[in-house]
Amino acid sequence: MSGLIQVVGGAIVDSLANPARMLVARRTAPEQFAGLWEFPGGKVDAGEECEAALHRELREELGVEVRLGPELPSGAAAGWRLNERASMRVWFAEISDGDPQPLEDHDQLRWISTTNRDEALSLPWIPADFPIVRALLESLGTPVGSAPLR
């Protein structure tokens, strides 16, 4: 994996078959990311498969079980580059059990529209997640036009 820290994220949607809303989480830490929105998820432990790590992280952070859908293509085997040390793979997911709560690392959860690009793109995202949000909306056929990168 070329020494990069592998991170996984869940693009939790209300329906894998016909997604209209996506669950996003607002960070509480570290300080530089507090108050910014992200895809819930986290680091993959040594020897752990990415999909298993995503299930574990969503259970720990939100208290939910999910059914995974397709991975959001990034064009790189390690996923979306977050910084010089880490990359993130993102999967679509649908809650199969539980009621999402901000249990760890977040103070707020919000369901946002996947059909109204302005709602998603107007949130203050962690900068590395913003291009992923744009790609996700494009993959769902939501026109993103010329909204500026943040």
Protein backbone atom coordinates (compact mmCIF):
# COMPACT_ATOMS: atom_id res chain seq x y z
CA MET A 1 0.00 0.00 0.00
CA SER A 2 3.00 2.31 -0.36
CA GLY A 3 3.15 3.27 3.33
CA LEU A 4 0.00 5.40 3.32
CA ILE A 5 -2.37 5.28 6.27
CA GLN A 6 -5.56 3.68 4.95
CA VAL A 7 -8.79 5.35 6.01
CA VAL A 8 -12.33 4.24 5.15
CA GLY A 9 -15.49 6.33 4.95
CA GLY A 10 -19.16 5.59 4.61
CA ALA A 11 -21.42 7.54 2.29
CA ILE A 12 -24.50 6.43 4.23
CA VAL A 13 -27.60 6.93 2.10
CA ASP A 14 -31.26 6.39 2.87
CA SER A 15 -31.50 3.78 0.11
CA LEU A 16 -28.79 2.06 -1.92
CA ALA A 17 -31.32 1.50 -4.71
CA ASN A 18 -32.56 5.09 -4.91
CA PRO A 19 -30.51 7.45 -2.71
CA ALA A 20 -32.20 10.77 -1.96
CA ARG A 21 -30.44 11.65 1.31
CA MET A 22 -26.98 11.11 2.80
CA LEU A 23 -25.92 11.12 6.46
CA VAL A 24 -22.97 13.36 7.28
CA ALA A 25 -21.18 13.95 10.58
CA ARG A 26 -19.66 17.07 12.15
CA ARG A 27 -16.23 16.58 13.76
CA THR A 28 -15.33 17.59 17.30
CA ALA A 29 -11.60 16.84 17.05
CA PRO A 30 -8.80 17.32 16.23
CA GLU A 31 -8.97 21.08 16.68
CA GLN A 32 -8.25 21.92 13.01
CA PHE A 33 -11.27 19.83 11.92
CA ALA A 34 -13.69 20.67 14.76
CA GLY A 35 -16.96 21.99 13.33
CA LEU A 36 -16.28 20.62 9.83
CA TRP A 37 -18.36 17.93 8.13
CA GLU A 38 -17.15 14.56 6.91
CA PHE A 39 -18.05 11.05 5.92
CA PRO A 40 -18.11 8.91 9.09
CA GLY A 41 -15.37 6.29 9.23
CA GLY A 42 -11.77 6.00 10.33
CA LYS A 43 -8.44 4.24 10.15
CA VAL A 44 -8.01 0.65 9.09
CA ASP A 45 -6.20 -1.40 11.74
CA ALA A 46 -3.19 -3.54 10.83
CA GLY A 47 -4.34 -6.80 9.25
CA GLU A 48 -7.93 -5.57 8.93
CA GLU A 49 -9.81 -5.60 5.63
CA CYS A 50 -11.15 -2.20 4.56
CA GLU A 51 -14.79 -3.31 4.50
CA ALA A 52 -14.49 -4.84 7.99
CA ALA A 53 -12.90 -1.62 9.25
CA LEU A 54 -15.78 0.42 7.85
CA HIS A 55 -18.35 -1.80 9.58
CA ARG A 56 -16.39 -1.47 12.86
CA GLU A 57 -15.97 2.29 12.58
CA LEU A 58 -19.65 2.93 11.82
CA ARG A 59 -20.64 0.73 14.77
CA GLU A 60 -18.26 2.64 17.09
CA GLU A 61 -18.96 6.16 15.81
CA LEU A 62 -22.68 5.97 15.06
CA GLY A 63 -24.00 2.79 16.68
CA VAL A 64 -25.31 1.36 13.40
CA GLU A 65 -24.92 -1.72 11.28
CA VAL A 66 -24.82 -1.16 7.53
CA ARG A 67 -25.16 -2.97 4.25
CA LEU A 68 -22.35 -1.88 1.96
CA GLY A 69 -22.98 -0.90 -1.63
CA PRO A 70 -20.43 -0.06 -4.30
CA GLU A 71 -17.20 1.76 -3.63
CA LEU A 72 -17.01 5.31 -4.96
CA PRO A 73 -14.29 5.11 -7.63
CA SER A 74 -11.27 7.32 -6.97
CA GLY A 75 -8.99 6.23 -9.80
CA ALA A 76 -6.35 4.94 -7.36
CA ALA A 77 -6.10 1.59 -5.57
CA ALA A 78 -5.54 3.27 -2.20
CA GLY A 79 -8.50 5.59 -2.71
CA TRP A 80 -8.83 9.35 -2.39
CA ARG A 81 -5.64 11.08 -1.28
CA LEU A 82 -6.30 12.99 1.97
CA ASN A 83 -2.79 14.33 2.53
CA GLU A 84 0.82 13.18 2.10
CA ARG A 85 0.32 10.42 4.69
CA ALA A 86 -3.22 9.08 4.20
CA SER A 87 -5.79 8.05 1.65
CA MET A 88 -9.46 7.12 2.00
CA ARG A 89 -11.66 4.59 0.30
CA VAL A 90 -15.39 5.43 0.40
CA TRP A 91 -18.32 3.04 0.07
CA PHE A 92 -22.00 3.73 -0.30
CA ALA A 93 -23.82 2.19 2.66
CA GLU A 94 -27.39 1.79 3.92
CA ILE A 95 -28.32 1.40 7.59
CA SER A 96 -29.57 -2.12 8.27
CA ASP A 97 -29.84 -1.84 12.07
CA GLY A 98 -29.75 0.93 14.65
CA ASP A 99 -30.55 4.62 14.92
CA PRO A 100 -27.48 6.74 14.14
CA GLN A 101 -26.15 8.78 17.06
CA PRO A 102 -22.99 10.91 17.34
CA LEU A 103 -21.27 8.52 19.77
CA GLU A 104 -17.60 9.23 19.06
CA ASP A 105 -15.65 12.09 17.43
CA HIS A 106 -18.82 13.94 16.31
CA ASP A 107 -21.31 16.32 17.91
CA GLN A 108 -23.95 16.38 15.18
CA LEU A 109 -25.34 14.20 12.41
CA ARG A 110 -27.42 15.52 9.54
CA TRP A 111 -29.30 13.96 6.63
CA ILE A 112 -28.68 16.06 3.52
CA SER A 113 -30.13 15.86 0.04
CA THR A 114 -28.23 14.00 -2.67
CA THR A 115 -30.41 15.62 -5.33
CA ASN A 116 -29.81 19.26 -4.29
CA ARG A 117 -26.11 19.90 -4.85
CA ASP A 118 -26.22 23.28 -3.11
CA GLU A 119 -27.24 21.71 0.21
CA ALA A 120 -24.29 19.33 0.16
CA LEU A 121 -21.70 21.71 -1.27
CA SER A 122 -22.59 24.59 1.06
CA LEU A 123 -21.56 22.69 4.19
CA PRO A 124 -18.10 23.42 5.60
CA TRP A 125 -16.42 20.10 4.73
CA ILE A 126 -13.03 18.88 5.81
CA PRO A 127 -11.05 20.14 2.79
CA ALA A 128 -9.87 16.68 1.68
CA ASP A 129 -13.48 15.40 1.68
CA PHE A 130 -14.85 18.16 -0.54
CA PRO A 131 -13.67 16.64 -3.87
CA ILE A 132 -15.12 13.30 -2.74
CA VAL A 133 -18.50 14.95 -2.12
CA ARG A 134 -18.41 16.46 -5.62
CA ALA A 135 -17.54 13.07 -7.16
CA LEU A 136 -20.26 11.36 -5.15
CA LEU A 137 -22.90 13.83 -6.35
CA GLU A 138 -21.69 13.41 -9.94
CA SER A 139 -21.84 9.61 -9.60
CA LEU A 140 -25.49 9.91 -8.52
CA GLY A 141 -26.26 12.13 -11.50
CA THR A 142 -26.62 15.28 -9.42
CA PRO A 143 -25.32 18.13 -11.56
CA VAL A 144 -22.53 19.95 -9.78
CA GLY A 145 -21.94 22.52 -12.48
CA SER A 146 -19.13 24.91 -11.76
CA ALA A 147 -19.35 25.07 -7.98
CA PRO A 148 -15.93 26.20 -6.75
CA LEU A 149 -13.57 23.83 -5.02
CA ARG A 150 -12.97 24.72 -1.41
